[in-house]
Amino acid sequence: MNEASPVVSGHAPERMRHLILEIVQALADFPDDVSIEMIEDHESTIMRIRVAPQDIGKVIGKQGRTARSLRTIIGAASMKMRHRFSLDIIEDDDFEDEEPQTS
């Protein structure tokens, strides 16, 4: 195999993004509405997954089991890539509520 060594931290965030995007799109009824925002730091990356409101339950799962499984996969891949990742699942409607409110 002509594959690069597992310590490819420059490519690690993009490889992880692709992995999680494929899994979440397979779970979602509206796969075109799935997006992942990568917030990178030099030692870690936060992955914010946005899904349609109808898909939030499918991505989180009963009692958070699906989300926990996604985090387990991320943890295992993180060890191989030697780069820390964390996962946030955000319902699409949440972003409309993030605007500053004045009272």
PDB file of N, CA and C in Angstrom:
ATOM      1  N   MET A   1       0.834  -1.188   0.000  1.00  0.00           N
ATOM      2  CA  MET A   1       0.000   0.000   0.000  1.00  0.00           C
ATOM      3  C   MET A   1       0.871   1.241   0.000  1.00  0.00           C
ATOM      4  N   ASN A   2       0.464   2.211  -0.742  1.00  0.00           N
ATOM      5  CA  ASN A   2       1.176   3.487  -0.776  1.00  0.00           C
ATOM      6  C   ASN A   2       0.428   4.532   0.023  1.00  0.00           C
ATOM      7  N   GLU A   3       0.081   4.191   1.233  1.00  0.00           N
ATOM      8  CA  GLU A   3      -0.680   5.100   2.074  1.00  0.00           C
ATOM      9  C   GLU A   3       0.250   5.830   3.022  1.00  0.00           C
ATOM     10  N   ALA A   4      -0.076   7.072   3.315  1.00  0.00           N
ATOM     11  CA  ALA A   4       0.736   7.863   4.236  1.00  0.00           C
ATOM     12  C   ALA A   4       0.615   7.303   5.649  1.00  0.00           C
ATOM     13  N   SER A   5       1.567   7.648   6.484  1.00  0.00           N
ATOM     14  CA  SER A   5       1.540   7.190   7.867  1.00  0.00           C
ATOM     15  C   SER A   5       0.351   7.790   8.593  1.00  0.00           C
ATOM     16  N   PRO A   6      -0.097   7.168   9.701  1.00  0.00           N
ATOM     17  CA  PRO A   6      -1.260   7.674  10.406  1.00  0.00           C
ATOM     18  C   PRO A   6      -1.064   9.057  11.021  1.00  0.00           C
ATOM     19  N   VAL A   7       0.170   9.513  11.133  1.00  0.00           N
ATOM     20  CA  VAL A   7       0.428  10.812  11.744  1.00  0.00           C
ATOM     21  C   VAL A   7       0.406  11.879  10.652  1.00  0.00           C
ATOM     22  N   VAL A   8      -0.765  12.143  10.115  1.00  0.00           N
ATOM     23  CA  VAL A   8      -0.936  13.126   9.062  1.00  0.00           C
ATOM     24  C   VAL A   8      -1.885  14.180   9.603  1.00  0.00           C
ATOM     25  N   SER A   9      -1.439  14.904  10.622  1.00  0.00           N
ATOM     26  CA  SER A   9      -2.325  15.827  11.308  1.00  0.00           C
ATOM     27  C   SER A   9      -2.862  16.925  10.394  1.00  0.00           C
ATOM     28  N   GLY A  10      -2.127  17.285   9.334  1.00  0.00           N
ATOM     29  CA  GLY A  10      -2.619  18.303   8.411  1.00  0.00           C
ATOM     30  C   GLY A  10      -3.851  17.842   7.671  1.00  0.00           C
ATOM     31  N   HIS A  11      -3.956  16.548   7.400  1.00  0.00           N
ATOM     32  CA  HIS A  11      -5.096  15.995   6.684  1.00  0.00           C
ATOM     33  C   HIS A  11      -6.123  15.394   7.628  1.00  0.00           C
ATOM     34  N   ALA A  12      -5.806  15.245   8.886  1.00  0.00           N
ATOM     35  CA  ALA A  12      -6.688  14.588   9.846  1.00  0.00           C
ATOM     36  C   ALA A  12      -8.064  15.249   9.931  1.00  0.00           C
ATOM     37  N   PRO A  13      -8.175  16.565  10.064  1.00  0.00           N
ATOM     38  CA  PRO A  13      -9.510  17.163  10.161  1.00  0.00           C
ATOM     39  C   PRO A  13     -10.381  16.895   8.931  1.00  0.00           C
ATOM     40  N   GLU A  14      -9.807  16.958   7.751  1.00  0.00           N
ATOM     41  CA  GLU A  14     -10.603  16.726   6.542  1.00  0.00           C
ATOM     42  C   GLU A  14     -11.010  15.260   6.421  1.00  0.00           C
ATOM     43  N   ARG A  15     -10.130  14.359   6.798  1.00  0.00           N
ATOM     44  CA  ARG A  15     -10.462  12.929   6.771  1.00  0.00           C
ATOM     45  C   ARG A  15     -11.573  12.614   7.770  1.00  0.00           C
ATOM     46  N   MET A  16     -11.495  13.202   8.955  1.00  0.00           N
ATOM     47  CA  MET A  16     -12.512  12.981   9.977  1.00  0.00           C
ATOM     48  C   MET A  16     -13.840  13.593   9.543  1.00  0.00           C
ATOM     49  N   ARG A  17     -13.791  14.771   8.951  1.00  0.00           N
ATOM     50  CA  ARG A  17     -15.004  15.429   8.467  1.00  0.00           C
ATOM     51  C   ARG A  17     -15.714  14.533   7.459  1.00  0.00           C
ATOM     52  N   HIS A  18     -14.975  13.984   6.529  1.00  0.00           N
ATOM     53  CA  HIS A  18     -15.550  13.115   5.501  1.00  0.00           C
ATOM     54  C   HIS A  18     -16.174  11.866   6.138  1.00  0.00           C
ATOM     55  N   LEU A  19     -15.491  11.255   7.085  1.00  0.00           N
ATOM     56  CA  LEU A  19     -15.991  10.059   7.765  1.00  0.00           C
ATOM     57  C   LEU A  19     -17.318  10.335   8.460  1.00  0.00           C
ATOM     58  N   ILE A  20     -17.367  11.372   9.281  1.00  0.00           N
ATOM     59  CA  ILE A  20     -18.571  11.684  10.053  1.00  0.00           C
ATOM     60  C   ILE A  20     -19.700  12.165   9.133  1.00  0.00           C
ATOM     61  N   LEU A  21     -19.371  12.925   8.107  1.00  0.00           N
ATOM     62  CA  LEU A  21     -20.390  13.391   7.158  1.00  0.00           C
ATOM     63  C   LEU A  21     -21.082  12.203   6.490  1.00  0.00           C
ATOM     64  N   GLU A  22     -20.328  11.223   6.055  1.00  0.00           N
ATOM     65  CA  GLU A  22     -20.905  10.029   5.419  1.00  0.00           C
ATOM     66  C   GLU A  22     -21.836   9.287   6.374  1.00  0.00           C
ATOM     67  N   ILE A  23     -21.424   9.131   7.615  1.00  0.00           N
ATOM     68  CA  ILE A  23     -22.239   8.406   8.601  1.00  0.00           C
ATOM     69  C   ILE A  23     -23.528   9.171   8.890  1.00  0.00           C
ATOM     70  N   VAL A  24     -23.425  10.467   9.163  1.00  0.00           N
ATOM     71  CA  VAL A  24     -24.602  11.264   9.528  1.00  0.00           C
ATOM     72  C   VAL A  24     -25.567  11.377   8.345  1.00  0.00           C
ATOM     73  N   GLN A  25     -25.046  11.528   7.135  1.00  0.00           N
ATOM     74  CA  GLN A  25     -25.927  11.592   5.970  1.00  0.00           C
ATOM     75  C   GLN A  25     -26.677  10.282   5.768  1.00  0.00           C
ATOM     76  N   ALA A  26     -26.046   9.162   6.096  1.00  0.00           N
ATOM     77  CA  ALA A  26     -26.715   7.867   5.992  1.00  0.00           C
ATOM     78  C   ALA A  26     -27.841   7.733   7.017  1.00  0.00           C
ATOM     79  N   LEU A  27     -27.710   8.388   8.159  1.00  0.00           N
ATOM     80  CA  LEU A  27     -28.738   8.341   9.195  1.00  0.00           C
ATOM     81  C   LEU A  27     -29.914   9.284   8.909  1.00  0.00           C
ATOM     82  N   ALA A  28     -29.649  10.372   8.222  1.00  0.00           N
ATOM     83  CA  ALA A  28     -30.620  11.454   8.061  1.00  0.00           C
ATOM     84  C   ALA A  28     -31.621  11.192   6.932  1.00  0.00           C
ATOM     85  N   ASP A  29     -32.853  11.669   7.125  1.00  0.00           N
ATOM     86  CA  ASP A  29     -33.863  11.647   6.067  1.00  0.00           C
ATOM     87  C   ASP A  29     -33.602  12.760   5.046  1.00  0.00           C
ATOM     88  N   PHE A  30     -32.936  13.809   5.506  1.00  0.00           N
ATOM     89  CA  PHE A  30     -32.606  14.948   4.648  1.00  0.00           C
ATOM     90  C   PHE A  30     -31.078  15.101   4.595  1.00  0.00           C
ATOM     91  N   PRO A  31     -30.393  14.199   3.882  1.00  0.00           N
ATOM     92  CA  PRO A  31     -28.925  14.222   3.882  1.00  0.00           C
ATOM     93  C   PRO A  31     -28.321  15.487   3.288  1.00  0.00           C
ATOM     94  N   ASP A  32     -29.053  16.157   2.411  1.00  0.00           N
ATOM     95  CA  ASP A  32     -28.533  17.394   1.819  1.00  0.00           C
ATOM     96  C   ASP A  32     -28.486  18.534   2.825  1.00  0.00           C
ATOM     97  N   ASP A  33     -29.233  18.406   3.926  1.00  0.00           N
ATOM     98  CA  ASP A  33     -29.248  19.443   4.955  1.00  0.00           C
ATOM     99  C   ASP A  33     -28.168  19.239   6.012  1.00  0.00           C
ATOM    100  N   VAL A  34     -27.398  18.170   5.893  1.00  0.00           N
ATOM    101  CA  VAL A  34     -26.332  17.898   6.861  1.00  0.00           C
ATOM    102  C   VAL A  34     -25.099  18.705   6.480  1.00  0.00           C
ATOM    103  N   SER A  35     -24.549  19.410   7.460  1.00  0.00           N
ATOM    104  CA  SER A  35     -23.293  20.124   7.227  1.00  0.00           C
ATOM    105  C   SER A  35     -22.433  20.028   8.484  1.00  0.00           C
ATOM    106  N   ILE A  36     -21.149  20.124   8.286  1.00  0.00           N
ATOM    107  CA  ILE A  36     -20.209  20.061   9.399  1.00  0.00           C
ATOM    108  C   ILE A  36     -19.309  21.278   9.348  1.00  0.00           C
ATOM    109  N   GLU A  37     -19.294  22.009  10.446  1.00  0.00           N
ATOM    110  CA  GLU A  37     -18.403  23.162  10.596  1.00  0.00           C
ATOM    111  C   GLU A  37     -17.208  22.695  11.431  1.00  0.00           C
ATOM    112  N   MET A  38     -16.016  22.928  10.935  1.00  0.00           N
ATOM    113  CA  MET A  38     -14.799  22.526  11.638  1.00  0.00           C
ATOM    114  C   MET A  38     -14.190  23.763  12.292  1.00  0.00           C
ATOM    115  N   ILE A  39     -14.008  23.695  13.607  1.00  0.00           N
ATOM    116  CA  ILE A  39     -13.375  24.782  14.352  1.00  0.00           C
ATOM    117  C   ILE A  39     -12.043  24.232  14.847  1.00  0.00           C
ATOM    118  N   GLU A  40     -10.965  24.640  14.176  1.00  0.00           N
ATOM    119  CA  GLU A  40      -9.656  24.054  14.442  1.00  0.00           C
ATOM    120  C   GLU A  40      -8.816  24.891  15.390  1.00  0.00           C
ATOM    121  N   ASP A  41      -8.128  24.181  16.243  1.00  0.00           N
ATOM    122  CA  ASP A  41      -7.128  24.732  17.136  1.00  0.00           C
ATOM    123  C   ASP A  41      -5.857  23.951  16.789  1.00  0.00           C
ATOM    124  N   HIS A  42      -4.725  24.343  17.286  1.00  0.00           N
ATOM    125  CA  HIS A  42      -3.506  23.624  16.920  1.00  0.00           C
ATOM    126  C   HIS A  42      -3.471  22.211  17.512  1.00  0.00           C
ATOM    127  N   GLU A  43      -4.180  21.946  18.602  1.00  0.00           N
ATOM    128  CA  GLU A  43      -4.164  20.625  19.216  1.00  0.00           C
ATOM    129  C   GLU A  43      -5.466  19.852  19.055  1.00  0.00           C
ATOM    130  N   SER A  44      -6.544  20.540  18.713  1.00  0.00           N
ATOM    131  CA  SER A  44      -7.829  19.858  18.639  1.00  0.00           C
ATOM    132  C   SER A  44      -8.735  20.515  17.602  1.00  0.00           C
ATOM    133  N   THR A  45      -9.810  19.807  17.280  1.00  0.00           N
ATOM    134  CA  THR A  45     -10.797  20.307  16.331  1.00  0.00           C
ATOM    135  C   THR A  45     -12.183  19.998  16.870  1.00  0.00           C
ATOM    136  N   ILE A  46     -13.050  21.000  16.860  1.00  0.00           N
ATOM    137  CA  ILE A  46     -14.451  20.807  17.235  1.00  0.00           C
ATOM    138  C   ILE A  46     -15.234  20.654  15.941  1.00  0.00           C
ATOM    139  N   MET A  47     -16.033  19.619  15.864  1.00  0.00           N
ATOM    140  CA  MET A  47     -16.884  19.401  14.702  1.00  0.00           C
ATOM    141  C   MET A  47     -18.317  19.709  15.107  1.00  0.00           C
ATOM    142  N   ARG A  48     -18.908  20.714  14.485  1.00  0.00           N
ATOM    143  CA  ARG A  48     -20.299  21.075  14.754  1.00  0.00           C
ATOM    144  C   ARG A  48     -21.154  20.556  13.611  1.00  0.00           C
ATOM    145  N   ILE A  49     -21.997  19.594  13.930  1.00  0.00           N
ATOM    146  CA  ILE A  49     -22.867  19.002  12.925  1.00  0.00           C
ATOM    147  C   ILE A  49     -24.222  19.702  12.977  1.00  0.00           C
ATOM    148  N   ARG A  50     -24.674  20.174  11.835  1.00  0.00           N
ATOM    149  CA  ARG A  50     -26.003  20.774  11.718  1.00  0.00           C
ATOM    150  C   ARG A  50     -26.871  19.824  10.910  1.00  0.00           C
ATOM    151  N   VAL A  51     -28.069  19.564  11.409  1.00  0.00           N
ATOM    152  CA  VAL A  51     -29.019  18.717  10.700  1.00  0.00           C
ATOM    153  C   VAL A  51     -30.381  19.388  10.700  1.00  0.00           C
ATOM    154  N   ALA A  52     -31.261  18.916   9.839  1.00  0.00           N
ATOM    155  CA  ALA A  52     -32.631  19.424   9.801  1.00  0.00           C
ATOM    156  C   ALA A  52     -33.326  19.067  11.112  1.00  0.00           C
ATOM    157  N   PRO A  53     -34.274  19.880  11.543  1.00  0.00           N
ATOM    158  CA  PRO A  53     -34.993  19.593  12.795  1.00  0.00           C
ATOM    159  C   PRO A  53     -35.618  18.196  12.819  1.00  0.00           C
ATOM    160  N   GLN A  54     -36.050  17.701  11.653  1.00  0.00           N
ATOM    161  CA  GLN A  54     -36.663  16.378  11.576  1.00  0.00           C
ATOM    162  C   GLN A  54     -35.648  15.254  11.822  1.00  0.00           C
ATOM    163  N   ASP A  55     -34.371  15.539  11.652  1.00  0.00           N
ATOM    164  CA  ASP A  55     -33.326  14.521  11.769  1.00  0.00           C
ATOM    165  C   ASP A  55     -32.590  14.533  13.102  1.00  0.00           C
ATOM    166  N   ILE A  56     -32.841  15.503  13.930  1.00  0.00           N
ATOM    167  CA  ILE A  56     -32.071  15.616  15.173  1.00  0.00           C
ATOM    168  C   ILE A  56     -32.212  14.357  16.031  1.00  0.00           C
ATOM    169  N   GLY A  57     -33.413  13.808  16.100  1.00  0.00           N
ATOM    170  CA  GLY A  57     -33.627  12.595  16.891  1.00  0.00           C
ATOM    171  C   GLY A  57     -32.905  11.394  16.322  1.00  0.00           C
ATOM    172  N   LYS A  58     -32.807  11.307  15.016  1.00  0.00           N
ATOM    173  CA  LYS A  58     -32.111  10.186  14.382  1.00  0.00           C
ATOM    174  C   LYS A  58     -30.612  10.246  14.639  1.00  0.00           C
ATOM    175  N   VAL A  59     -30.064  11.450  14.654  1.00  0.00           N
ATOM    176  CA  VAL A  59     -28.625  11.613  14.857  1.00  0.00           C
ATOM    177  C   VAL A  59     -28.252  11.428  16.332  1.00  0.00           C
ATOM    178  N   ILE A  60     -29.127  11.867  17.222  1.00  0.00           N
ATOM    179  CA  ILE A  60     -28.849  11.701  18.654  1.00  0.00           C
ATOM    180  C   ILE A  60     -29.196  10.287  19.106  1.00  0.00           C
ATOM    181  N   GLY A  61     -30.322   9.761  18.628  1.00  0.00           N
ATOM    182  CA  GLY A  61     -30.726   8.404  18.978  1.00  0.00           C
ATOM    183  C   GLY A  61     -31.409   8.337  20.331  1.00  0.00           C
ATOM    184  N   LYS A  62     -31.971   7.170  20.624  1.00  0.00           N
ATOM    185  CA  LYS A  62     -32.635   6.978  21.915  1.00  0.00           C
ATOM    186  C   LYS A  62     -31.622   7.054  23.038  1.00  0.00           C
ATOM    187  N   GLN A  63     -31.908   7.911  23.993  1.00  0.00           N
ATOM    188  CA  GLN A  63     -31.041   8.151  25.154  1.00  0.00           C
ATOM    189  C   GLN A  63     -29.616   8.505  24.744  1.00  0.00           C
ATOM    190  N   GLY A  64     -29.456   9.102  23.546  1.00  0.00           N
ATOM    191  CA  GLY A  64     -28.151   9.563  23.092  1.00  0.00           C
ATOM    192  C   GLY A  64     -27.215   8.466  22.608  1.00  0.00           C
ATOM    193  N   ARG A  65     -27.758   7.289  22.345  1.00  0.00           N
ATOM    194  CA  ARG A  65     -26.894   6.162  21.959  1.00  0.00           C
ATOM    195  C   ARG A  65     -26.185   6.370  20.630  1.00  0.00           C
ATOM    196  N   THR A  66     -26.881   6.918  19.653  1.00  0.00           N
ATOM    197  CA  THR A  66     -26.244   7.138  18.350  1.00  0.00           C
ATOM    198  C   THR A  66     -25.152   8.197  18.465  1.00  0.00           C
ATOM    199  N   ALA A  67     -25.445   9.276  19.174  1.00  0.00           N
ATOM    200  CA  ALA A  67     -24.439  10.328  19.380  1.00  0.00           C
ATOM    201  C   ALA A  67     -23.234   9.763  20.131  1.00  0.00           C
ATOM    202  N   ARG A  68     -23.484   8.938  21.131  1.00  0.00           N
ATOM    203  CA  ARG A  68     -22.387   8.325  21.892  1.00  0.00           C
ATOM    204  C   ARG A  68     -21.552   7.414  20.987  1.00  0.00           C
ATOM    205  N   SER A  69     -22.225   6.696  20.094  1.00  0.00           N
ATOM    206  CA  SER A  69     -21.502   5.841  19.149  1.00  0.00           C
ATOM    207  C   SER A  69     -20.645   6.661  18.191  1.00  0.00           C
ATOM    208  N   LEU A  70     -21.187   7.777  17.712  1.00  0.00           N
ATOM    209  CA  LEU A  70     -20.394   8.667  16.857  1.00  0.00           C
ATOM    210  C   LEU A  70     -19.158   9.159  17.596  1.00  0.00           C
ATOM    211  N   ARG A  71     -19.331   9.518  18.858  1.00  0.00           N
ATOM    212  CA  ARG A  71     -18.190   9.998  19.657  1.00  0.00           C
ATOM    213  C   ARG A  71     -17.177   8.884  19.901  1.00  0.00           C
ATOM    214  N   THR A  72     -17.641   7.652  20.024  1.00  0.00           N
ATOM    215  CA  THR A  72     -16.725   6.511  20.178  1.00  0.00           C
ATOM    216  C   THR A  72     -15.898   6.321  18.913  1.00  0.00           C
ATOM    217  N   ILE A  73     -16.549   6.415  17.762  1.00  0.00           N
ATOM    218  CA  ILE A  73     -15.832   6.303  16.481  1.00  0.00           C
ATOM    219  C   ILE A  73     -14.811   7.430  16.353  1.00  0.00           C
ATOM    220  N   ILE A  74     -15.227   8.638  16.716  1.00  0.00           N
ATOM    221  CA  ILE A  74     -14.325   9.783  16.651  1.00  0.00           C
ATOM    222  C   ILE A  74     -13.130   9.569  17.579  1.00  0.00           C
ATOM    223  N   GLY A  75     -13.386   9.045  18.767  1.00  0.00           N
ATOM    224  CA  GLY A  75     -12.301   8.793  19.713  1.00  0.00           C
ATOM    225  C   GLY A  75     -11.299   7.779  19.188  1.00  0.00           C
ATOM    226  N   ALA A  76     -11.807   6.701  18.583  1.00  0.00           N
ATOM    227  CA  ALA A  76     -10.912   5.680  18.033  1.00  0.00           C
ATOM    228  C   ALA A  76     -10.091   6.232  16.866  1.00  0.00           C
ATOM    229  N   ALA A  77     -10.740   6.966  15.981  1.00  0.00           N
ATOM    230  CA  ALA A  77     -10.026   7.553  14.846  1.00  0.00           C
ATOM    231  C   ALA A  77      -9.042   8.620  15.311  1.00  0.00           C
ATOM    232  N   SER A  78      -9.414   9.355  16.367  1.00  0.00           N
ATOM    233  CA  SER A  78      -8.526  10.389  16.911  1.00  0.00           C
ATOM    234  C   SER A  78      -7.216   9.795  17.399  1.00  0.00           C
ATOM    235  N   MET A  79      -7.318   8.640  18.028  1.00  0.00           N
ATOM    236  CA  MET A  79      -6.107   7.974  18.524  1.00  0.00           C
ATOM    237  C   MET A  79      -5.175   7.645  17.358  1.00  0.00           C
ATOM    238  N   LYS A  80      -5.734   7.131  16.276  1.00  0.00           N
ATOM    239  CA  LYS A  80      -4.917   6.774  15.122  1.00  0.00           C
ATOM    240  C   LYS A  80      -4.324   8.013  14.450  1.00  0.00           C
ATOM    241  N   MET A  81      -5.120   9.075  14.365  1.00  0.00           N
ATOM    242  CA  MET A  81      -4.671  10.298  13.700  1.00  0.00           C
ATOM    243  C   MET A  81      -3.820  11.183  14.597  1.00  0.00           C
ATOM    244  N   ARG A  82      -3.809  10.864  15.876  1.00  0.00           N
ATOM    245  CA  ARG A  82      -3.062  11.656  16.864  1.00  0.00           C
ATOM    246  C   ARG A  82      -3.469  13.123  16.844  1.00  0.00           C
ATOM    247  N   HIS A  83      -4.776  13.309  16.815  1.00  0.00           N
ATOM    248  CA  HIS A  83      -5.358  14.655  16.829  1.00  0.00           C
ATOM    249  C   HIS A  83      -6.681  14.542  17.564  1.00  0.00           C
ATOM    250  N   ARG A  84      -6.946  15.431  18.485  1.00  0.00           N
ATOM    251  CA  ARG A  84      -8.165  15.369  19.296  1.00  0.00           C
ATOM    252  C   ARG A  84      -9.330  16.028  18.560  1.00  0.00           C
ATOM    253  N   PHE A  85     -10.471  15.356  18.588  1.00  0.00           N
ATOM    254  CA  PHE A  85     -11.705  15.869  17.993  1.00  0.00           C
ATOM    255  C   PHE A  85     -12.814  15.828  19.023  1.00  0.00           C
ATOM    256  N   SER A  86     -13.734  16.780  18.940  1.00  0.00           N
ATOM    257  CA  SER A  86     -14.949  16.729  19.747  1.00  0.00           C
ATOM    258  C   SER A  86     -16.129  17.000  18.820  1.00  0.00           C
ATOM    259  N   LEU A  87     -17.311  16.596  19.273  1.00  0.00           N
ATOM    260  CA  LEU A  87     -18.490  16.635  18.423  1.00  0.00           C
ATOM    261  C   LEU A  87     -19.618  17.398  19.101  1.00  0.00           C
ATOM    262  N   ASP A  88     -20.210  18.343  18.377  1.00  0.00           N
ATOM    263  CA  ASP A  88     -21.418  19.048  18.802  1.00  0.00           C
ATOM    264  C   ASP A  88     -22.478  18.796  17.745  1.00  0.00           C
ATOM    265  N   ILE A  89     -23.674  18.414  18.185  1.00  0.00           N
ATOM    266  CA  ILE A  89     -24.787  18.207  17.261  1.00  0.00           C
ATOM    267  C   ILE A  89     -25.761  19.359  17.475  1.00  0.00           C
ATOM    268  N   ILE A  90     -26.021  20.100  16.399  1.00  0.00           N
ATOM    269  CA  ILE A  90     -26.817  21.316  16.503  1.00  0.00           C
ATOM    270  C   ILE A  90     -28.004  21.226  15.560  1.00  0.00           C
ATOM    271  N   GLU A  91     -29.184  21.461  16.101  1.00  0.00           N
ATOM    272  CA  GLU A  91     -30.386  21.511  15.274  1.00  0.00           C
ATOM    273  C   GLU A  91     -30.339  22.790  14.458  1.00  0.00           C
ATOM    274  N   ASP A  92     -30.702  22.724  13.196  1.00  0.00           N
ATOM    275  CA  ASP A  92     -30.612  23.868  12.284  1.00  0.00           C
ATOM    276  C   ASP A  92     -31.289  25.111  12.830  1.00  0.00           C
ATOM    277  N   ASP A  93     -32.430  24.980  13.497  1.00  0.00           N
ATOM    278  CA  ASP A  93     -33.155  26.138  14.029  1.00  0.00           C
ATOM    279  C   ASP A  93     -32.385  26.858  15.120  1.00  0.00           C
ATOM    280  N   ASP A  94     -31.429  26.176  15.784  1.00  0.00           N
ATOM    281  CA  ASP A  94     -30.673  26.784  16.872  1.00  0.00           C
ATOM    282  C   ASP A  94     -29.886  28.010  16.418  1.00  0.00           C
ATOM    283  N   PHE A  95     -29.467  28.061  15.179  1.00  0.00           N
ATOM    284  CA  PHE A  95     -28.633  29.163  14.731  1.00  0.00           C
ATOM    285  C   PHE A  95     -29.420  30.458  14.596  1.00  0.00           C
ATOM    286  N   GLU A  96     -30.717  30.365  14.379  1.00  0.00           N
ATOM    287  CA  GLU A  96     -31.519  31.569  14.322  1.00  0.00           C
ATOM    288  C   GLU A  96     -31.639  32.203  15.685  1.00  0.00           C
ATOM    289  N   ASP A  97     -31.549  31.368  16.749  1.00  0.00           N
ATOM    290  CA  ASP A  97     -31.687  31.862  18.108  1.00  0.00           C
ATOM    291  C   ASP A  97     -30.382  32.450  18.656  1.00  0.00           C
ATOM    292  N   GLU A  98     -29.274  32.301  17.940  1.00  0.00           N
ATOM    293  CA  GLU A  98     -27.987  32.757  18.456  1.00  0.00           C
ATOM    294  C   GLU A  98     -27.743  34.239  18.231  1.00  0.00           C
ATOM    295  N   GLU A  99     -28.651  34.915  17.530  1.00  0.00           N
ATOM    296  CA  GLU A  99     -28.477  36.346  17.308  1.00  0.00           C
ATOM    297  C   GLU A  99     -28.597  37.069  18.652  1.00  0.00           C
ATOM    298  N   PRO A 100     -27.808  38.121  18.834  1.00  0.00           N
ATOM    299  CA  PRO A 100     -27.886  38.849  20.098  1.00  0.00           C
ATOM    300  C   PRO A 100     -29.294  39.391  20.327  1.00  0.00           C
ATOM    301  N   GLN A 101     -29.757  39.209  21.542  1.00  0.00           N
ATOM    302  CA  GLN A 101     -31.083  39.704  21.879  1.00  0.00           C
ATOM    303  C   GLN A 101     -30.950  40.919  22.784  1.00  0.00           C
ATOM    304  N   THR A 102     -31.763  41.908  22.526  1.00  0.00           N
ATOM    305  CA  THR A 102     -31.766  43.097  23.362  1.00  0.00           C
ATOM    306  C   THR A 102     -33.049  43.130  24.171  1.00  0.00           C
ATOM    307  N   SER A 103     -32.911  43.456  25.435  1.00  0.00           N
ATOM    308  CA  SER A 103     -34.127  43.553  26.247  1.00  0.00           C
ATOM    309  C   SER A 103     -34.070  44.755  27.146  1.00  0.00           C
TER     310      SER A 103
END
